[in-house]
Amino acid sequence: MRMHFSMVHTGIFCTKAEIDVKVGKLVDSGGYTEANINNSCAQAESMINSLSHVNWSDAYATLNADTKRILSEAAACWVAIDFITYNPATYTTRYEAEDLVNVNWTKFQILMSILSDSSDVDFVKGA
């Protein structure tokens, strides 16, 4: 008898569905596994916490919906870049993969500027 174990998504900030939208339909399914997604989410969350100098992960349950959406978008963008660049050859053209990376990178930078600016942090925490 063969047993099948399915892994559960363990990311705090974003869901697999949110990442799916950002990687597009042509992401390499060989590398886009739940284990790899979980690992990339943990790395993204640590990166966001470090860059913003705020431990959003520990405070997540107490955050308002607006702040959670900003964190979700930032983490999903970071994780998407990981998987798009894992094997860009699966996309129709290299330009398609590059465009996806550029859009996600630009969004990530904008969101990190919000999460890193103390006046913005106070605003989003209080929203």
Foldseek 3Di string as FASTA:
>chain_A
DDDDDADDADADQADPVLLDVLLDDQFDPVQPGSVNLNVLSVVQLVVLCVLQVHNCVVCVVVADPQVSVLSHLLSSLSSSLVRCVVDVVSDPDVVVSVVSNVVSVVSNVVSSVLSNDVVSVVVRRVD
